Amino acid sequence: MPAEHNRAGRNAIKLLMLGLALVLEIFFLSAHTLAEDPAATQASVQEQLNLARALVVGSGMSRSFSVIIPQYMDQIATNLTQTRPELIRDLNIVLTGLQPEFDKQADEMIDIAAHIYVRLLTVQELKAAVAFFDSPAGKKYVETQPGFLNEAVAALQGWQSKISTSMMTRVREEMKKKGHEL
């Protein structure tokens, strides 16, 4: 019986070693294949980036980036012309000329956001999200987002005020029970 256990143990170890060898072979074969065909890997990464960019644009997120450029330009114009009103005409010409350059920087932010999505979502998840935002429901969601956010912010402010008052009232009541007047 002990000889059979030894033989069974050796067989189990052999099977384990064969399995490990097979796993390592598959791993190295995959790594070798990827190393041999960087174009295939690059195509996959490019597909993911394209999907992620489509998600950033389709979800309406890119609107937030593109709005920043005109806001900053208006802020610069206001700040500079408050003390130097004689600059208005030339400054408007300069800002108009510079706008395309800075619009490209909004595109840069789209790429940054896309790279973040590539790290966080699989190709399948990106495809599903893009499909949603391409659907009528997704387009409606994006269309209603600004109005929703305006209403949600207003509601949040009212809720915060109510919670703050309610919380302070309750704290005062409980502290009064302990002999403290607040």
N, C-alpha and C. Protein backbone atom coordinates (compact mmCIF):
# COMPACT_ATOMS: atom_id res chain seq x y z
N MET A 1 0.81 -1.19 0.00
CA MET A 1 0.00 0.00 0.00
C MET A 1 0.86 1.27 0.00
N PRO A 2 1.91 1.37 0.84
CA PRO A 2 2.74 2.57 0.81
C PRO A 2 3.37 2.79 -0.56
N ALA A 3 3.74 1.71 -1.26
CA ALA A 3 4.32 1.86 -2.59
C ALA A 3 3.31 2.44 -3.56
N GLU A 4 2.03 2.03 -3.40
CA GLU A 4 0.99 2.57 -4.26
C GLU A 4 0.78 4.06 -4.00
N HIS A 5 0.84 4.48 -2.73
CA HIS A 5 0.69 5.90 -2.39
C HIS A 5 1.85 6.69 -2.98
N ASN A 6 3.07 6.14 -2.90
CA ASN A 6 4.23 6.82 -3.47
C ASN A 6 4.08 6.97 -4.97
N ARG A 7 3.61 5.87 -5.62
CA ARG A 7 3.43 5.90 -7.07
C ARG A 7 2.33 6.92 -7.42
N ALA A 8 1.22 6.92 -6.66
CA ALA A 8 0.13 7.86 -6.90
C ALA A 8 0.61 9.29 -6.67
N GLY A 9 1.42 9.49 -5.64
CA GLY A 9 1.97 10.81 -5.36
C GLY A 9 2.87 11.29 -6.48
N ARG A 10 3.72 10.35 -6.97
CA ARG A 10 4.61 10.70 -8.07
C ARG A 10 3.81 11.02 -9.33
N ASN A 11 2.76 10.24 -9.58
CA ASN A 11 1.92 10.49 -10.76
C ASN A 11 1.22 11.85 -10.65
N ALA A 12 0.76 12.17 -9.44
CA ALA A 12 0.11 13.46 -9.24
C ALA A 12 1.09 14.60 -9.48
N ILE A 13 2.31 14.42 -8.99
CA ILE A 13 3.34 15.45 -9.20
C ILE A 13 3.66 15.58 -10.68
N LYS A 14 3.75 14.42 -11.39
CA LYS A 14 4.02 14.46 -12.83
C LYS A 14 2.90 15.21 -13.56
N LEU A 15 1.65 14.92 -13.20
CA LEU A 15 0.52 15.60 -13.84
C LEU A 15 0.55 17.10 -13.55
N LEU A 16 0.88 17.44 -12.31
CA LEU A 16 0.97 18.83 -11.92
C LEU A 16 2.07 19.53 -12.73
N MET A 17 3.21 18.86 -12.86
CA MET A 17 4.33 19.43 -13.61
C MET A 17 3.98 19.57 -15.09
N LEU A 18 3.28 18.57 -15.64
CA LEU A 18 2.86 18.65 -17.04
C LEU A 18 1.88 19.81 -17.23
N GLY A 19 0.96 19.95 -16.30
CA GLY A 19 0.00 21.05 -16.37
C GLY A 19 0.69 22.40 -16.29
N LEU A 20 1.65 22.50 -15.37
CA LEU A 20 2.41 23.73 -15.22
C LEU A 20 3.20 24.03 -16.50
N ALA A 21 3.82 22.99 -17.05
CA ALA A 21 4.58 23.16 -18.29
C ALA A 21 3.67 23.63 -19.42
N LEU A 22 2.45 23.08 -19.49
CA LEU A 22 1.50 23.47 -20.52
C LEU A 22 1.08 24.93 -20.34
N VAL A 23 0.80 25.32 -19.11
CA VAL A 23 0.42 26.71 -18.84
C VAL A 23 1.56 27.65 -19.23
N LEU A 24 2.79 27.30 -18.84
CA LEU A 24 3.94 28.14 -19.18
C LEU A 24 4.15 28.21 -20.69
N GLU A 25 3.97 27.08 -21.37
CA GLU A 25 4.12 27.05 -22.82
C GLU A 25 3.08 27.97 -23.48
N ILE A 26 1.84 27.89 -23.02
CA ILE A 26 0.79 28.75 -23.58
C ILE A 26 1.12 30.22 -23.32
N PHE A 27 1.58 30.51 -22.09
CA PHE A 27 1.93 31.88 -21.75
C PHE A 27 3.04 32.40 -22.66
N PHE A 28 4.13 31.63 -22.78
CA PHE A 28 5.25 32.08 -23.59
C PHE A 28 4.89 32.13 -25.07
N LEU A 29 4.06 31.20 -25.53
CA LEU A 29 3.62 31.20 -26.91
C LEU A 29 2.80 32.46 -27.18
N SER A 30 1.92 32.81 -26.26
CA SER A 30 1.11 34.02 -26.42
C SER A 30 1.99 35.25 -26.42
N ALA A 31 2.94 35.31 -25.49
CA ALA A 31 3.83 36.45 -25.41
C ALA A 31 4.66 36.55 -26.68
N HIS A 32 5.12 35.40 -27.18
CA HIS A 32 5.92 35.37 -28.40
C HIS A 32 5.09 35.82 -29.59
N THR A 33 3.84 35.37 -29.64
CA THR A 33 2.96 35.74 -30.74
C THR A 33 2.70 37.24 -30.72
N LEU A 34 2.47 37.80 -29.54
CA LEU A 34 2.25 39.24 -29.44
C LEU A 34 3.51 40.00 -29.85
N ALA A 35 4.67 39.47 -29.44
CA ALA A 35 5.92 40.13 -29.79
C ALA A 35 6.15 40.05 -31.29
N GLU A 36 5.74 38.95 -31.92
CA GLU A 36 5.94 38.79 -33.36
C GLU A 36 4.97 39.66 -34.15
N ASP A 37 3.78 39.93 -33.61
CA ASP A 37 2.78 40.66 -34.36
C ASP A 37 2.32 41.89 -33.59
N PRO A 38 3.21 42.87 -33.46
CA PRO A 38 2.81 44.08 -32.75
C PRO A 38 1.69 44.82 -33.48
N ALA A 39 1.56 44.60 -34.78
CA ALA A 39 0.48 45.27 -35.53
C ALA A 39 -0.87 44.81 -35.02
N ALA A 40 -0.99 43.51 -34.69
CA ALA A 40 -2.26 42.98 -34.16
C ALA A 40 -2.55 43.61 -32.81
N THR A 41 -1.53 43.72 -31.97
CA THR A 41 -1.70 44.34 -30.66
C THR A 41 -2.04 45.82 -30.83
N GLN A 42 -1.33 46.49 -31.72
CA GLN A 42 -1.57 47.90 -31.97
C GLN A 42 -2.98 48.13 -32.50
N ALA A 43 -3.45 47.25 -33.37
CA ALA A 43 -4.81 47.37 -33.91
C ALA A 43 -5.83 47.24 -32.79
N SER A 44 -5.59 46.32 -31.86
CA SER A 44 -6.50 46.11 -30.74
C SER A 44 -6.52 47.35 -29.83
N VAL A 45 -5.36 47.90 -29.55
CA VAL A 45 -5.27 49.09 -28.72
C VAL A 45 -5.94 50.26 -29.43
N GLN A 46 -5.71 50.37 -30.73
CA GLN A 46 -6.32 51.45 -31.50
C GLN A 46 -7.84 51.33 -31.51
N GLU A 47 -8.35 50.09 -31.61
CA GLU A 47 -9.79 49.87 -31.56
C GLU A 47 -10.34 50.33 -30.22
N GLN A 48 -9.64 49.98 -29.16
CA GLN A 48 -10.07 50.38 -27.82
C GLN A 48 -10.08 51.91 -27.69
N LEU A 49 -9.02 52.55 -28.18
CA LEU A 49 -8.95 54.01 -28.10
C LEU A 49 -10.06 54.67 -28.92
N ASN A 50 -10.33 54.13 -30.11
CA ASN A 50 -11.40 54.68 -30.94
C ASN A 50 -12.75 54.55 -30.24
N LEU A 51 -12.98 53.39 -29.64
CA LEU A 51 -14.22 53.18 -28.90
C LEU A 51 -14.31 54.14 -27.71
N ALA A 52 -13.20 54.29 -27.00
CA ALA A 52 -13.18 55.17 -25.83
C ALA A 52 -13.43 56.62 -26.24
N ARG A 53 -12.82 57.06 -27.35
CA ARG A 53 -13.08 58.41 -27.83
C ARG A 53 -14.56 58.58 -28.19
N ALA A 54 -15.10 57.56 -28.87
CA ALA A 54 -16.53 57.61 -29.23
C ALA A 54 -17.40 57.71 -27.97
N LEU A 55 -16.99 57.05 -26.92
CA LEU A 55 -17.73 57.10 -25.66
C LEU A 55 -17.65 58.51 -25.05
N VAL A 56 -16.47 59.10 -25.05
CA VAL A 56 -16.30 60.44 -24.48
C VAL A 56 -17.16 61.45 -25.24
N VAL A 57 -17.18 61.33 -26.57
CA VAL A 57 -17.97 62.26 -27.38
C VAL A 57 -19.46 61.91 -27.28
N GLY A 58 -19.79 60.63 -27.44
CA GLY A 58 -21.19 60.21 -27.43
C GLY A 58 -21.89 60.45 -26.11
N SER A 59 -21.16 60.37 -25.01
CA SER A 59 -21.77 60.56 -23.69
C SER A 59 -21.99 62.04 -23.36
N GLY A 60 -21.46 62.91 -24.21
CA GLY A 60 -21.61 64.34 -23.95
C GLY A 60 -20.49 64.91 -23.10
N MET A 61 -19.59 64.06 -22.65
CA MET A 61 -18.51 64.51 -21.79
C MET A 61 -17.64 65.55 -22.49
N SER A 62 -17.42 65.37 -23.77
CA SER A 62 -16.53 66.29 -24.50
C SER A 62 -17.08 67.71 -24.54
N ARG A 63 -18.40 67.85 -24.39
CA ARG A 63 -19.00 69.20 -24.32
C ARG A 63 -18.36 69.99 -23.20
N SER A 64 -18.13 69.32 -22.08
CA SER A 64 -17.55 69.99 -20.91
C SER A 64 -16.16 70.52 -21.22
N PHE A 65 -15.41 69.77 -22.02
CA PHE A 65 -14.04 70.20 -22.34
C PHE A 65 -14.05 71.38 -23.32
N SER A 66 -14.91 71.30 -24.33
CA SER A 66 -14.90 72.34 -25.37
C SER A 66 -15.46 73.66 -24.87
N VAL A 67 -16.28 73.65 -23.84
CA VAL A 67 -16.85 74.88 -23.29
C VAL A 67 -15.79 75.67 -22.52
N ILE A 68 -14.80 75.00 -22.01
CA ILE A 68 -13.78 75.65 -21.18
C ILE A 68 -12.98 76.67 -21.97
N ILE A 69 -12.66 76.37 -23.22
CA ILE A 69 -11.81 77.26 -24.03
C ILE A 69 -12.46 78.64 -24.20
N PRO A 70 -13.70 78.74 -24.68
CA PRO A 70 -14.30 80.08 -24.80
C PRO A 70 -14.46 80.79 -23.44
N GLN A 71 -14.73 80.02 -22.39
CA GLN A 71 -14.86 80.63 -21.07
C GLN A 71 -13.54 81.29 -20.64
N TYR A 72 -12.42 80.56 -20.84
CA TYR A 72 -11.12 81.13 -20.47
C TYR A 72 -10.79 82.34 -21.34
N MET A 73 -11.13 82.26 -22.63
CA MET A 73 -10.85 83.39 -23.52
C MET A 73 -11.65 84.62 -23.09
N ASP A 74 -12.92 84.41 -22.72
CA ASP A 74 -13.73 85.53 -22.22
C ASP A 74 -13.15 86.10 -20.93
N GLN A 75 -12.69 85.21 -20.07
CA GLN A 75 -12.11 85.64 -18.79
C GLN A 75 -10.84 86.47 -19.04
N ILE A 76 -9.99 86.01 -19.96
CA ILE A 76 -8.78 86.75 -20.29
C ILE A 76 -9.14 88.12 -20.85
N ALA A 77 -10.11 88.15 -21.77
CA ALA A 77 -10.52 89.42 -22.38
C ALA A 77 -11.05 90.38 -21.32
N THR A 78 -11.87 89.87 -20.44
CA THR A 78 -12.44 90.72 -19.38
C THR A 78 -11.33 91.25 -18.47
N ASN A 79 -10.44 90.38 -18.04
CA ASN A 79 -9.37 90.80 -17.12
C ASN A 79 -8.45 91.83 -17.76
N LEU A 80 -8.07 91.60 -19.02
CA LEU A 80 -7.12 92.51 -19.66
C LEU A 80 -7.75 93.85 -20.03
N THR A 81 -9.01 93.83 -20.44
CA THR A 81 -9.63 95.08 -20.91
C THR A 81 -10.24 95.91 -19.79
N GLN A 82 -10.34 95.36 -18.59
CA GLN A 82 -10.84 96.17 -17.48
C GLN A 82 -9.89 97.32 -17.19
N THR A 83 -8.62 97.04 -17.22
CA THR A 83 -7.64 98.07 -16.93
C THR A 83 -7.08 98.72 -18.20
N ARG A 84 -7.28 98.04 -19.33
CA ARG A 84 -6.74 98.57 -20.60
C ARG A 84 -7.79 98.46 -21.70
N PRO A 85 -8.85 99.24 -21.66
CA PRO A 85 -9.93 99.13 -22.64
C PRO A 85 -9.48 99.37 -24.08
N GLU A 86 -8.36 100.06 -24.26
CA GLU A 86 -7.87 100.33 -25.62
C GLU A 86 -7.41 99.04 -26.34
N LEU A 87 -7.27 97.93 -25.57
CA LEU A 87 -6.81 96.65 -26.16
C LEU A 87 -7.94 95.83 -26.78
N ILE A 88 -9.18 96.19 -26.56
CA ILE A 88 -10.33 95.36 -26.94
C ILE A 88 -10.25 94.89 -28.39
N ARG A 89 -10.07 95.83 -29.35
CA ARG A 89 -10.08 95.45 -30.76
C ARG A 89 -8.97 94.47 -31.10
N ASP A 90 -7.74 94.79 -30.74
CA ASP A 90 -6.60 93.91 -31.05
C ASP A 90 -6.70 92.58 -30.29
N LEU A 91 -7.14 92.66 -29.06
CA LEU A 91 -7.27 91.44 -28.25
C LEU A 91 -8.29 90.48 -28.86
N ASN A 92 -9.41 91.02 -29.35
CA ASN A 92 -10.41 90.17 -30.00
C ASN A 92 -9.84 89.48 -31.24
N ILE A 93 -9.03 90.21 -32.01
CA ILE A 93 -8.39 89.62 -33.20
C ILE A 93 -7.43 88.50 -32.78
N VAL A 94 -6.63 88.77 -31.74
CA VAL A 94 -5.66 87.77 -31.25
C VAL A 94 -6.39 86.53 -30.73
N LEU A 95 -7.41 86.73 -29.92
CA LEU A 95 -8.13 85.59 -29.35
C LEU A 95 -8.82 84.77 -30.44
N THR A 96 -9.41 85.43 -31.42
CA THR A 96 -10.04 84.72 -32.53
C THR A 96 -9.00 83.90 -33.29
N GLY A 97 -7.83 84.47 -33.50
CA GLY A 97 -6.76 83.75 -34.20
C GLY A 97 -6.22 82.57 -33.40
N LEU A 98 -6.22 82.70 -32.09
CA LEU A 98 -5.69 81.63 -31.23
C LEU A 98 -6.70 80.53 -30.94
N GLN A 99 -7.97 80.79 -31.16
CA GLN A 99 -9.00 79.82 -30.78
C GLN A 99 -8.78 78.42 -31.38
N PRO A 100 -8.47 78.29 -32.68
CA PRO A 100 -8.25 76.93 -33.21
C PRO A 100 -7.13 76.18 -32.49
N GLU A 101 -6.08 76.90 -32.13
CA GLU A 101 -4.97 76.28 -31.40
C GLU A 101 -5.44 75.72 -30.06
N PHE A 102 -6.27 76.49 -29.37
CA PHE A 102 -6.74 76.05 -28.06
C PHE A 102 -7.88 75.03 -28.17
N ASP A 103 -8.63 75.09 -29.26
CA ASP A 103 -9.65 74.06 -29.49
C ASP A 103 -9.00 72.68 -29.60
N LYS A 104 -7.79 72.64 -30.18
CA LYS A 104 -7.06 71.36 -30.28
C LYS A 104 -6.71 70.84 -28.88
N GLN A 105 -6.51 71.74 -27.95
CA GLN A 105 -6.22 71.31 -26.60
C GLN A 105 -7.44 70.69 -25.94
N ALA A 106 -8.63 71.08 -26.36
CA ALA A 106 -9.85 70.41 -25.88
C ALA A 106 -9.86 68.99 -26.44
N ASP A 107 -9.41 68.82 -27.69
CA ASP A 107 -9.29 67.48 -28.28
C ASP A 107 -8.29 66.63 -27.49
N GLU A 108 -7.25 67.28 -26.98
CA GLU A 108 -6.26 66.58 -26.16
C GLU A 108 -6.91 65.99 -24.91
N MET A 109 -7.84 66.75 -24.33
CA MET A 109 -8.54 66.26 -23.13
C MET A 109 -9.43 65.08 -23.48
N ILE A 110 -10.00 65.07 -24.67
CA ILE A 110 -10.78 63.91 -25.12
C ILE A 110 -9.88 62.68 -25.16
N ASP A 111 -8.67 62.85 -25.68
CA ASP A 111 -7.72 61.73 -25.72
C ASP A 111 -7.33 61.27 -24.33
N ILE A 112 -7.13 62.20 -23.41
CA ILE A 112 -6.78 61.83 -22.04
C ILE A 112 -7.91 61.03 -21.42
N ALA A 113 -9.14 61.50 -21.59
CA ALA A 113 -10.30 60.79 -21.04
C ALA A 113 -10.43 59.41 -21.69
N ALA A 114 -10.17 59.32 -23.00
CA ALA A 114 -10.24 58.04 -23.71
C ALA A 114 -9.23 57.05 -23.13
N HIS A 115 -8.02 57.51 -22.86
CA HIS A 115 -7.00 56.62 -22.29
C HIS A 115 -7.42 56.13 -20.90
N ILE A 116 -8.09 56.97 -20.16
CA ILE A 116 -8.58 56.54 -18.84
C ILE A 116 -9.61 55.44 -19.02
N TYR A 117 -10.55 55.65 -19.95
CA TYR A 117 -11.56 54.61 -20.21
C TYR A 117 -10.92 53.31 -20.68
N VAL A 118 -9.87 53.39 -21.49
CA VAL A 118 -9.19 52.18 -21.97
C VAL A 118 -8.66 51.38 -20.79
N ARG A 119 -8.16 52.10 -19.77
CA ARG A 119 -7.64 51.40 -18.59
C ARG A 119 -8.76 50.79 -17.75
N LEU A 120 -9.94 51.42 -17.76
CA LEU A 120 -11.00 51.02 -16.85
C LEU A 120 -12.05 50.08 -17.45
N LEU A 121 -12.19 50.07 -18.78
CA LEU A 121 -13.24 49.29 -19.42
C LEU A 121 -12.67 48.34 -20.47
N THR A 122 -13.30 47.20 -20.59
CA THR A 122 -12.89 46.25 -21.63
C THR A 122 -13.47 46.70 -22.97
N VAL A 123 -13.02 46.06 -24.04
CA VAL A 123 -13.54 46.37 -25.37
C VAL A 123 -15.04 46.13 -25.40
N GLN A 124 -15.49 45.03 -24.82
CA GLN A 124 -16.92 44.72 -24.81
C GLN A 124 -17.71 45.78 -24.05
N GLU A 125 -17.18 46.23 -22.92
CA GLU A 125 -17.87 47.26 -22.14
C GLU A 125 -17.90 48.59 -22.89
N LEU A 126 -16.80 48.92 -23.56
CA LEU A 126 -16.78 50.14 -24.36
C LEU A 126 -17.80 50.06 -25.49
N LYS A 127 -17.84 48.91 -26.16
CA LYS A 127 -18.81 48.74 -27.26
C LYS A 127 -20.24 48.89 -26.75
N ALA A 128 -20.53 48.30 -25.60
CA ALA A 128 -21.88 48.38 -25.04
C ALA A 128 -22.22 49.83 -24.66
N ALA A 129 -21.28 50.54 -24.07
CA ALA A 129 -21.53 51.93 -23.67
C ALA A 129 -21.73 52.81 -24.90
N VAL A 130 -20.89 52.63 -25.91
CA VAL A 130 -21.02 53.40 -27.15
C VAL A 130 -22.37 53.09 -27.81
N ALA A 131 -22.74 51.81 -27.82
CA ALA A 131 -24.03 51.42 -28.41
C ALA A 131 -25.18 52.10 -27.68
N PHE A 132 -25.10 52.17 -26.35
CA PHE A 132 -26.15 52.85 -25.59
C PHE A 132 -26.25 54.31 -26.01
N PHE A 133 -25.11 55.02 -26.05
CA PHE A 133 -25.15 56.44 -26.36
C PHE A 133 -25.50 56.70 -27.82
N ASP A 134 -25.36 55.69 -28.69
CA ASP A 134 -25.80 55.80 -30.08
C ASP A 134 -27.29 55.50 -30.23
N SER A 135 -27.88 54.90 -29.21
CA SER A 135 -29.30 54.53 -29.28
C SER A 135 -30.17 55.76 -29.02
N PRO A 136 -31.46 55.69 -29.38
CA PRO A 136 -32.35 56.82 -29.08
C PRO A 136 -32.39 57.16 -27.59
N ALA A 137 -32.42 56.15 -26.73
CA ALA A 137 -32.43 56.41 -25.29
C ALA A 137 -31.14 57.10 -24.84
N GLY A 138 -30.02 56.66 -25.37
CA GLY A 138 -28.73 57.27 -25.02
C GLY A 138 -28.63 58.71 -25.49
N LYS A 139 -29.12 58.96 -26.71
CA LYS A 139 -29.11 60.33 -27.23
C LYS A 139 -30.01 61.24 -26.41
N LYS A 140 -31.14 60.71 -26.00
CA LYS A 140 -32.06 61.49 -25.16
C LYS A 140 -31.41 61.78 -23.80
N TYR A 141 -30.71 60.77 -23.26
CA TYR A 141 -29.99 60.94 -22.00
C TYR A 141 -29.00 62.10 -22.10
N VAL A 142 -28.20 62.10 -23.16
CA VAL A 142 -27.20 63.15 -23.35
C VAL A 142 -27.87 64.50 -23.54
N GLU A 143 -28.97 64.51 -24.29
CA GLU A 143 -29.69 65.76 -24.56
C GLU A 143 -30.26 66.36 -23.27
N THR A 144 -30.72 65.51 -22.36
CA THR A 144 -31.35 66.01 -21.14
C THR A 144 -30.37 66.25 -20.00
N GLN A 145 -29.13 65.82 -20.17
CA GLN A 145 -28.13 65.94 -19.10
C GLN A 145 -27.97 67.36 -18.56
N PRO A 146 -27.78 68.37 -19.39
CA PRO A 146 -27.59 69.73 -18.83
C PRO A 146 -28.78 70.18 -17.99
N GLY A 147 -29.98 69.97 -18.48
CA GLY A 147 -31.16 70.35 -17.71
C GLY A 147 -31.28 69.57 -16.43
N PHE A 148 -31.01 68.27 -16.52
CA PHE A 148 -31.04 67.42 -15.33
C PHE A 148 -30.05 67.93 -14.29
N LEU A 149 -28.83 68.22 -14.72
CA LEU A 149 -27.80 68.67 -13.78
C LEU A 149 -28.18 69.99 -13.13
N ASN A 150 -28.75 70.91 -13.90
CA ASN A 150 -29.21 72.18 -13.31
C ASN A 150 -30.25 71.93 -12.24
N GLU A 151 -31.23 71.10 -12.53
CA GLU A 151 -32.28 70.80 -11.55
C GLU A 151 -31.73 70.03 -10.36
N ALA A 152 -30.82 69.09 -10.63
CA ALA A 152 -30.25 68.29 -9.55
C ALA A 152 -29.43 69.16 -8.60
N VAL A 153 -28.66 70.10 -9.15
CA VAL A 153 -27.87 71.00 -8.29
C VAL A 153 -28.80 71.84 -7.43
N ALA A 154 -29.87 72.37 -8.01
CA ALA A 154 -30.83 73.17 -7.23
C ALA A 154 -31.47 72.31 -6.14
N ALA A 155 -31.86 71.09 -6.50
CA ALA A 155 -32.47 70.18 -5.53
C ALA A 155 -31.46 69.83 -4.43
N LEU A 156 -30.23 69.62 -4.80
CA LEU A 156 -29.20 69.27 -3.83
C LEU A 156 -28.99 70.40 -2.84
N GLN A 157 -29.00 71.63 -3.32
CA GLN A 157 -28.82 72.77 -2.42
C GLN A 157 -29.97 72.84 -1.41
N GLY A 158 -31.20 72.64 -1.88
CA GLY A 158 -32.35 72.64 -0.97
C GLY A 158 -32.27 71.50 0.03
N TRP A 159 -31.88 70.33 -0.45
CA TRP A 159 -31.76 69.15 0.42
C TRP A 159 -30.68 69.37 1.47
N GLN A 160 -29.53 69.93 1.06
CA GLN A 160 -28.45 70.19 2.01
C GLN A 160 -28.91 71.16 3.11
N SER A 161 -29.63 72.18 2.72
CA SER A 161 -30.13 73.16 3.68
C SER A 161 -31.08 72.48 4.68
N LYS A 162 -31.99 71.67 4.14
CA LYS A 162 -32.96 70.95 5.00
C LYS A 162 -32.24 70.00 5.96
N ILE A 163 -31.27 69.24 5.44
CA ILE A 163 -30.53 68.28 6.28
C ILE A 163 -29.73 69.02 7.34
N SER A 164 -29.09 70.12 6.96
CA SER A 164 -28.29 70.89 7.90
C SER A 164 -29.15 71.40 9.05
N THR A 165 -30.30 71.98 8.72
CA THR A 165 -31.21 72.50 9.75
C THR A 165 -31.72 71.36 10.62
N SER A 166 -32.15 70.29 9.99
CA SER A 166 -32.68 69.13 10.72
C SER A 166 -31.63 68.53 11.64
N MET A 167 -30.43 68.41 11.14
CA MET A 167 -29.36 67.81 11.93
C MET A 167 -29.02 68.67 13.14
N MET A 168 -28.94 69.98 12.93
CA MET A 168 -28.62 70.88 14.04
C MET A 168 -29.73 70.86 15.08
N THR A 169 -30.99 70.81 14.63
CA THR A 169 -32.12 70.73 15.56
C THR A 169 -32.02 69.47 16.41
N ARG A 170 -31.75 68.35 15.78
CA ARG A 170 -31.64 67.07 16.51
C ARG A 170 -30.46 67.06 17.47
N VAL A 171 -29.32 67.62 17.04
CA VAL A 171 -28.15 67.68 17.92
C VAL A 171 -28.48 68.53 19.15
N ARG A 172 -29.13 69.67 18.93
CA ARG A 172 -29.52 70.53 20.07
C ARG A 172 -30.44 69.79 21.03
N GLU A 173 -31.42 69.07 20.48
CA GLU A 173 -32.35 68.30 21.34
C GLU A 173 -31.60 67.27 22.17
N GLU A 174 -30.72 66.54 21.55
CA GLU A 174 -29.99 65.49 22.26
C GLU A 174 -29.00 66.08 23.28
N MET A 175 -28.38 67.19 22.92
CA MET A 175 -27.45 67.83 23.86
C MET A 175 -28.20 68.43 25.04
N LYS A 176 -29.43 68.92 24.80
CA LYS A 176 -30.25 69.46 25.88
C LYS A 176 -30.59 68.38 26.88
N LYS A 177 -30.83 67.13 26.40
CA LYS A 177 -31.10 66.00 27.28
C LYS A 177 -29.91 65.72 28.17
N LYS A 178 -28.74 66.09 27.73
CA LYS A 178 -27.52 65.85 28.50
C LYS A 178 -27.14 67.06 29.33
N GLY A 179 -28.01 68.09 29.33
CA GLY A 179 -27.78 69.23 30.19
C GLY A 179 -27.01 70.35 29.51
N HIS A 180 -26.88 70.33 28.20
CA HIS A 180 -26.14 71.37 27.48
C HIS A 180 -27.12 72.17 26.62
N GLU A 181 -27.04 73.48 26.75
CA GLU A 181 -27.86 74.37 25.91
C GLU A 181 -26.98 74.91 24.79
N LEU A 182 -27.37 74.65 23.58
CA LEU A 182 -26.60 75.15 22.42
C LEU A 182 -27.32 76.28 21.73
